[in-house]
Amino acid sequence: MAEETRAAVLDDHALLRLRSTADLDPALLVTDFAAPGPQAVAALREAEVLLTGWGCPPITEEALVLMPALRAVVHAAGSVKALVTEAVWDRGISVTTAAEANARPVAEYTVAAIVFAGKRVLTASHMYRDTRAQLDPLRLFPAVGNYRTTVGVIGASRTGRRVIELLRAYDVNVLVYDPYLASRAATGLGAEKSTLDELVRRSDVVTIHAPELPETRHLLDAARLGRMRDGATLINTSRGSLVDTEALTAELVSGRLYAVLDVTQPDVLPPCSPLYDLPNVLLTPHIAGSLGNELGRLADTVIDELTRYARGRPFHYAVHPATLARSA
């Protein structure tokens, strides 16, 4: 992993837990399998498990030559697509990830955004700031609220399922679109399965939790954005490529839609983008995922997985190659 990842994720508590389970040198950090250095080469030769994180280089066939004893990869972050190659699966190496733990803060951010969207918090805040006077909410916001509104969840991913679970505490109707989700499974989650076009047409809030794949690029294009209800809110904490930025910008500039965007395409919008200043848009710089003390949850999750491995038990959050292609 990268140096900054180790410093952020592996605090003293995490290192203490690791020492109780594994034989490790906390000072040894491998950031490059091509030129790891003599000390790292010796450690990799004996390593049974790699503890990885953001900044880990790809574990290629050439890299695996350095690790003849490797049996497992424990990833203290979300997706492993950037580091796990076919060579890892070919060797029969087990892989686990803290993606489930990382889904929790994203879902919490999303539900907060849903509630604030329903209450038109952003609009009210701008009005209060601009007038600096007592407002009449009953007159100005006669149609706001979250009671019996409809929330459309795109993607029954880890995060999407967690969002649906958290929304059980609210008086809202939940639609879910996922091509791999059966109707009975959707009902079990507490949602109604829907087509994507029906979801965007019926929802007061649409929130995206689908993976970034070739087939999901511009999943919300101009046509689907145009089908959204007047005054509906789009929330994106997934990947910016799932939304046609140009088409969304046109809708937002017109004032017809609202948006909460933690991700965009490009990752950082150009300084001239009108989205920075629109009163119906909340932009945040990719903060929905684990940050600060939430990183401790990532560490605890993978240390729990490592403890299971040390006791001869299977990983609880094992990654399977068959499903990795259609996941984040």
Protein backbone atom coordinates (compact mmCIF):
# COMPACT_ATOMS: atom_id res chain seq x y z
CA MET A 1 0.00 0.00 0.00
CA ALA A 2 1.02 3.62 -0.22
CA GLU A 3 2.80 5.26 2.69
CA GLU A 4 -0.10 7.62 3.32
CA THR A 5 -2.49 4.65 3.35
CA ARG A 6 -0.50 2.87 6.04
CA ALA A 7 -0.36 6.02 8.15
CA ALA A 8 -4.10 6.61 7.81
CA VAL A 9 -5.45 3.07 8.17
CA LEU A 10 -3.05 1.26 10.48
CA ASP A 11 -3.01 3.15 13.77
CA ASP A 12 -1.48 1.82 17.00
CA HIS A 13 -4.64 -0.10 17.88
CA ALA A 14 -4.68 -1.82 14.50
CA LEU A 15 -0.99 -2.71 14.67
CA LEU A 16 -1.46 -4.16 18.15
CA ARG A 17 -4.27 -6.37 16.87
CA LEU A 18 -2.19 -7.41 13.86
CA ARG A 19 0.75 -8.44 16.05
CA SER A 20 -1.54 -10.74 18.03
CA THR A 21 -2.40 -12.65 14.85
CA ALA A 22 0.43 -12.28 12.37
CA ASP A 23 4.21 -12.19 12.22
CA LEU A 24 4.88 -8.83 10.63
CA ASP A 25 7.32 -5.95 10.47
CA PRO A 26 5.25 -2.73 10.68
CA ALA A 27 8.14 -0.72 9.31
CA LEU A 28 8.33 -2.76 6.10
CA LEU A 29 6.23 -1.34 3.29
CA VAL A 30 6.23 -2.58 -0.31
CA THR A 31 5.07 -0.03 -2.87
CA ASP A 32 6.69 -1.49 -5.98
CA PHE A 33 6.91 -5.16 -6.92
CA ALA A 34 9.27 -4.37 -9.81
CA ALA A 35 12.06 -3.05 -7.57
CA PRO A 36 11.14 -3.92 -3.98
CA GLY A 37 14.63 -3.84 -2.42
CA PRO A 38 16.55 -6.65 -0.66
CA GLN A 39 14.64 -6.53 2.65
CA ALA A 40 11.29 -6.58 0.90
CA VAL A 41 12.39 -9.40 -1.42
CA ALA A 42 13.26 -11.56 1.59
CA ALA A 43 9.93 -10.78 3.28
CA LEU A 44 7.90 -11.42 0.13
CA ARG A 45 9.59 -14.79 -0.33
CA GLU A 46 8.22 -15.92 3.04
CA ALA A 47 4.90 -14.07 2.98
CA GLU A 48 1.76 -16.18 3.28
CA VAL A 49 -0.61 -13.18 3.30
CA LEU A 50 -0.43 -9.73 1.75
CA LEU A 51 -2.13 -6.92 3.64
CA THR A 52 -2.90 -4.38 0.92
CA GLY A 53 -4.56 -1.00 0.62
CA TRP A 54 -4.86 2.06 -1.61
CA GLY A 55 -1.69 2.40 -3.65
CA CYS A 56 -0.91 -1.30 -3.93
CA PRO A 57 0.62 -2.06 -7.34
CA PRO A 58 -1.00 -4.78 -9.48
CA ILE A 59 -0.24 -8.31 -8.30
CA THR A 60 0.88 -9.65 -11.66
CA GLU A 61 2.36 -13.00 -12.65
CA GLU A 62 5.82 -11.38 -12.45
CA ALA A 63 5.09 -10.09 -8.96
CA LEU A 64 3.88 -13.51 -7.81
CA VAL A 65 7.24 -15.02 -8.74
CA LEU A 66 8.57 -13.09 -5.73
CA MET A 67 5.90 -14.65 -3.48
CA PRO A 68 5.99 -18.44 -3.80
CA ALA A 69 4.34 -18.94 -0.39
CA LEU A 70 1.48 -16.46 -0.92
CA ARG A 71 -1.93 -17.92 -0.09
CA ALA A 72 -4.16 -14.90 0.56
CA VAL A 73 -4.63 -11.19 -0.09
CA VAL A 74 -6.40 -9.12 2.56
CA HIS A 75 -7.37 -5.71 1.15
CA ALA A 76 -8.02 -2.88 3.61
CA ALA A 77 -10.13 -0.89 1.15
CA GLY A 78 -12.97 -1.42 -1.33
CA SER A 79 -12.51 -2.68 -4.87
CA VAL A 80 -9.64 -5.05 -5.67
CA LYS A 81 -9.93 -4.62 -9.44
CA ALA A 82 -6.85 -2.40 -9.60
CA LEU A 83 -4.56 -4.96 -7.98
CA VAL A 84 -5.93 -8.49 -8.41
CA THR A 85 -5.04 -9.92 -11.81
CA GLU A 86 -5.92 -13.23 -13.44
CA ALA A 87 -2.61 -14.58 -12.21
CA VAL A 88 -3.89 -14.34 -8.62
CA TRP A 89 -6.93 -16.48 -9.41
CA ASP A 90 -4.83 -18.90 -11.48
CA ARG A 91 -2.66 -19.51 -8.42
CA GLY A 92 -5.74 -20.24 -6.28
CA ILE A 93 -4.99 -17.34 -3.94
CA SER A 94 -7.88 -16.30 -1.67
CA VAL A 95 -8.88 -12.65 -1.65
CA THR A 96 -10.96 -10.63 0.79
CA THR A 97 -11.77 -6.94 1.01
CA ALA A 98 -13.17 -4.31 3.37
CA ALA A 99 -15.70 -3.20 0.74
CA GLU A 100 -18.57 -4.06 3.08
CA ALA A 101 -17.14 -1.76 5.73
CA ASN A 102 -16.55 1.01 3.21
CA ALA A 103 -20.16 0.76 2.05
CA ARG A 104 -21.45 1.88 5.44
CA PRO A 105 -20.34 5.53 5.41
CA VAL A 106 -21.38 5.85 1.75
CA ALA A 107 -24.86 4.62 2.64
CA GLU A 108 -25.04 6.93 5.65
CA TYR A 109 -24.03 9.91 3.51
CA THR A 110 -26.65 8.90 0.96
CA VAL A 111 -29.49 8.63 3.46
CA ALA A 112 -28.54 11.99 4.94
CA ALA A 113 -28.64 13.44 1.42
CA ILE A 114 -32.04 11.85 0.79
CA VAL A 115 -33.49 13.35 3.98
CA PHE A 116 -32.00 16.78 3.28
CA ALA A 117 -33.24 16.63 -0.31
CA GLY A 118 -36.78 15.93 0.83
CA LYS A 119 -36.66 18.86 3.26
CA ARG A 120 -35.12 21.14 0.59
CA VAL A 121 -32.37 21.99 3.08
CA LEU A 122 -30.01 23.36 0.43
CA THR A 123 -32.65 25.68 -1.03
CA ALA A 124 -33.77 26.88 2.38
CA SER A 125 -30.18 27.49 3.45
CA HIS A 126 -29.48 29.62 0.38
CA MET A 127 -32.67 31.62 0.89
CA TYR A 128 -31.90 32.21 4.57
CA ARG A 129 -28.34 33.23 3.78
CA ASP A 130 -29.45 35.63 1.06
CA THR A 131 -32.30 37.29 2.98
CA ARG A 132 -30.82 37.13 6.51
CA ALA A 133 -34.36 37.52 7.79
CA GLN A 134 -37.16 35.43 9.24
CA LEU A 135 -38.70 33.16 6.59
CA ASP A 136 -42.13 31.53 6.44
CA PRO A 137 -41.38 27.84 5.78
CA LEU A 138 -45.06 26.82 5.56
CA ARG A 139 -45.63 29.31 2.78
CA LEU A 140 -42.30 28.93 1.00
CA PHE A 141 -42.11 25.12 1.16
CA PRO A 142 -45.66 23.77 1.05
CA ALA A 143 -44.71 20.53 -0.73
CA VAL A 144 -41.49 19.51 1.05
CA GLY A 145 -40.96 16.51 3.30
CA ASN A 146 -40.08 12.83 3.23
CA TYR A 147 -43.41 11.30 4.21
CA ARG A 148 -44.53 8.75 1.58
CA THR A 149 -42.00 9.95 -0.97
CA THR A 150 -40.42 7.48 -3.38
CA VAL A 151 -36.70 6.77 -3.43
CA GLY A 152 -35.22 4.96 -6.42
CA VAL A 153 -32.05 2.96 -5.76
CA ILE A 154 -30.01 2.07 -8.84
CA GLY A 155 -27.90 -0.99 -8.02
CA ALA A 156 -28.43 -3.59 -5.29
CA SER A 157 -24.74 -3.43 -4.47
CA ARG A 158 -23.35 -3.52 -0.93
CA THR A 159 -24.00 0.19 -0.66
CA GLY A 160 -27.37 0.04 -2.38
CA ARG A 161 -28.56 -2.70 -0.03
CA ARG A 162 -27.32 -0.78 3.00
CA VAL A 163 -29.21 2.31 1.81
CA ILE A 164 -32.40 0.27 1.48
CA GLU A 165 -31.83 -1.18 4.95
CA LEU A 166 -31.36 2.25 6.52
CA LEU A 167 -34.45 3.60 4.75
CA ARG A 168 -36.63 1.10 6.60
CA ALA A 169 -36.64 3.60 9.47
CA TYR A 170 -38.36 6.18 7.25
CA ASP A 171 -41.87 6.44 5.83
CA VAL A 172 -40.71 6.22 2.22
CA ASN A 173 -41.37 3.88 -0.67
CA VAL A 174 -38.27 2.28 -2.19
CA LEU A 175 -37.82 1.15 -5.78
CA VAL A 176 -34.72 -0.78 -6.82
CA TYR A 177 -33.26 -1.46 -10.24
CA ASP A 178 -30.62 -4.15 -10.68
CA PRO A 179 -30.53 -6.54 -13.66
CA TYR A 180 -29.17 -9.32 -11.43
CA LEU A 181 -31.77 -8.94 -8.66
CA ALA A 182 -34.89 -11.14 -8.60
CA SER A 183 -38.25 -9.67 -7.60
CA ARG A 184 -38.46 -11.91 -4.54
CA ALA A 185 -35.01 -10.80 -3.43
CA ALA A 186 -36.02 -7.15 -3.84
CA THR A 187 -39.08 -7.75 -1.68
CA GLY A 188 -36.86 -9.37 0.92
CA LEU A 189 -34.74 -6.24 1.00
CA GLY A 190 -37.84 -4.13 1.57
CA ALA A 191 -38.06 -2.64 -1.92
CA GLU A 192 -40.06 -3.00 -5.10
CA LYS A 193 -38.16 -4.18 -8.15
CA SER A 194 -38.44 -1.78 -11.05
CA THR A 195 -37.15 -1.18 -14.53
CA LEU A 196 -34.71 1.68 -14.79
CA ASP A 197 -37.04 3.85 -16.87
CA GLU A 198 -39.92 3.29 -14.45
CA LEU A 199 -37.66 4.07 -11.50
CA VAL A 200 -36.53 7.45 -12.81
CA ARG A 201 -40.11 8.32 -13.77
CA ARG A 202 -41.65 7.49 -10.39
CA SER A 203 -38.94 8.57 -7.93
CA ASP A 204 -38.67 11.80 -5.98
CA VAL A 205 -35.02 10.94 -5.30
CA VAL A 206 -32.80 8.75 -7.49
CA THR A 207 -29.57 7.48 -5.93
CA ILE A 208 -26.86 5.61 -7.87
CA HIS A 209 -24.99 2.62 -6.41
CA ALA A 210 -24.07 0.65 -9.53
CA PRO A 211 -20.51 -0.32 -10.56
CA GLU A 212 -18.48 1.41 -13.23
CA LEU A 213 -18.61 -0.95 -16.23
CA PRO A 214 -18.69 -0.40 -20.00
CA GLU A 215 -22.42 -1.13 -19.98
CA THR A 216 -23.13 1.36 -17.18
CA ARG A 217 -21.43 4.34 -18.85
CA HIS A 218 -23.99 7.16 -19.12
CA LEU A 219 -26.62 4.89 -17.61
CA LEU A 220 -28.41 8.14 -16.87
CA ASP A 221 -28.26 9.85 -20.23
CA ALA A 222 -30.24 12.84 -21.50
CA ALA A 223 -33.32 10.72 -22.20
CA ARG A 224 -33.47 9.15 -18.74
CA LEU A 225 -32.67 12.42 -16.99
CA GLY A 226 -35.50 13.95 -19.00
CA ARG A 227 -37.89 11.32 -17.60
CA MET A 228 -37.18 12.33 -14.02
CA ARG A 229 -39.94 14.21 -12.21
CA ASP A 230 -39.79 18.00 -12.07
CA GLY A 231 -38.09 18.85 -8.78
CA ALA A 232 -36.59 15.38 -8.32
CA THR A 233 -33.10 14.97 -6.84
CA LEU A 234 -30.25 12.89 -8.27
CA ILE A 235 -27.64 11.60 -5.83
CA ASN A 236 -24.40 10.10 -7.14
CA THR A 237 -21.86 8.54 -4.76
CA SER A 238 -20.83 5.83 -7.22
CA ARG A 239 -18.82 6.95 -10.25
CA GLY A 240 -19.16 10.05 -12.38
CA SER A 241 -19.16 8.09 -15.65
CA LEU A 242 -22.60 6.64 -14.90
CA VAL A 243 -24.15 10.05 -15.61
CA ASP A 244 -23.94 12.15 -18.77
CA THR A 245 -22.44 15.28 -17.22
CA GLU A 246 -23.38 17.54 -20.11
CA ALA A 247 -27.01 16.42 -20.05
CA LEU A 248 -27.21 16.67 -16.26
CA THR A 249 -25.68 20.14 -16.32
CA ALA A 250 -28.36 21.30 -18.75
CA GLU A 251 -31.12 19.97 -16.49
CA LEU A 252 -29.59 21.57 -13.41
CA VAL A 253 -28.97 24.93 -15.06
CA SER A 254 -32.64 24.97 -16.07
CA GLY A 255 -33.57 24.48 -12.42
CA ARG A 256 -35.80 21.50 -13.18
CA LEU A 257 -33.76 18.99 -11.14
CA TYR A 258 -31.69 19.00 -7.97
CA ALA A 259 -28.46 17.07 -7.43
CA VAL A 260 -26.10 15.89 -4.70
CA LEU A 261 -22.87 14.87 -6.41
CA ASP A 262 -19.95 13.34 -4.53
CA VAL A 263 -18.47 12.10 -7.82
CA THR A 264 -18.44 13.67 -11.27
CA GLN A 265 -16.90 13.21 -14.68
CA PRO A 266 -14.25 14.50 -14.86
CA ASP A 267 -13.33 13.81 -11.24
CA VAL A 268 -12.77 17.52 -10.74
CA LEU A 269 -15.08 19.68 -12.80
CA PRO A 270 -13.46 22.56 -14.71
CA PRO A 271 -13.46 25.89 -12.84
CA CYS A 272 -15.97 27.29 -15.33
CA SER A 273 -18.59 24.62 -14.54
CA PRO A 274 -21.87 26.22 -13.42
CA LEU A 275 -22.44 23.33 -11.00
CA TYR A 276 -20.17 24.96 -8.42
CA ASP A 277 -22.54 27.88 -7.94
CA LEU A 278 -26.03 26.58 -8.66
CA PRO A 279 -28.34 26.77 -5.63
CA ASN A 280 -29.92 23.42 -6.53
CA VAL A 281 -26.60 21.51 -6.53
CA LEU A 282 -24.48 20.23 -3.67
CA LEU A 283 -20.98 19.21 -4.76
CA THR A 284 -18.65 17.36 -2.39
CA PRO A 285 -15.09 16.17 -3.17
CA HIS A 286 -15.50 12.38 -2.93
CA ILE A 287 -16.01 12.32 0.83
CA ALA A 288 -18.84 9.78 1.07
CA GLY A 289 -16.45 6.84 1.53
CA SER A 290 -14.36 6.06 4.59
CA LEU A 291 -12.48 9.03 6.01
CA GLY A 292 -10.89 9.92 9.35
CA ASN A 293 -11.99 7.65 12.17
CA GLU A 294 -14.05 5.57 9.71
CA LEU A 295 -10.77 4.16 8.40
CA GLY A 296 -10.53 2.25 11.66
CA ARG A 297 -13.52 0.18 10.53
CA LEU A 298 -11.57 -0.87 7.42
CA ALA A 299 -8.63 -1.96 9.54
CA ASP A 300 -10.81 -3.86 12.02
CA THR A 301 -12.64 -5.62 9.19
CA VAL A 302 -9.51 -6.96 7.51
CA ILE A 303 -7.90 -7.88 10.83
CA ASP A 304 -11.04 -9.87 11.65
CA GLU A 305 -10.66 -11.59 8.28
CA LEU A 306 -7.00 -12.30 8.95
CA THR A 307 -7.92 -13.79 12.32
CA ARG A 308 -10.44 -16.08 10.62
CA TYR A 309 -7.75 -17.17 8.17
CA ALA A 310 -5.25 -17.85 10.98
CA ARG A 311 -7.84 -20.09 12.65
CA GLY A 312 -8.40 -22.07 9.46
CA ARG A 313 -11.81 -20.56 8.73
CA PRO A 314 -12.95 -19.15 5.36
CA PHE A 315 -13.09 -15.42 4.77
CA HIS A 316 -16.41 -13.81 5.61
CA TYR A 317 -16.08 -11.27 2.78
CA ALA A 318 -14.31 -13.41 0.20
CA VAL A 319 -14.06 -12.01 -3.33
CA HIS A 320 -15.06 -14.45 -6.07
CA PRO A 321 -13.73 -14.04 -9.62
CA ALA A 322 -17.11 -14.96 -11.13
CA THR A 323 -18.82 -11.92 -9.61
CA LEU A 324 -15.90 -9.49 -9.67
CA ALA A 325 -16.45 -8.65 -13.34
CA ARG A 326 -19.88 -7.13 -12.60
CA SER A 327 -19.07 -5.51 -9.28
CA ALA A 328 -17.25 -2.34 -8.30
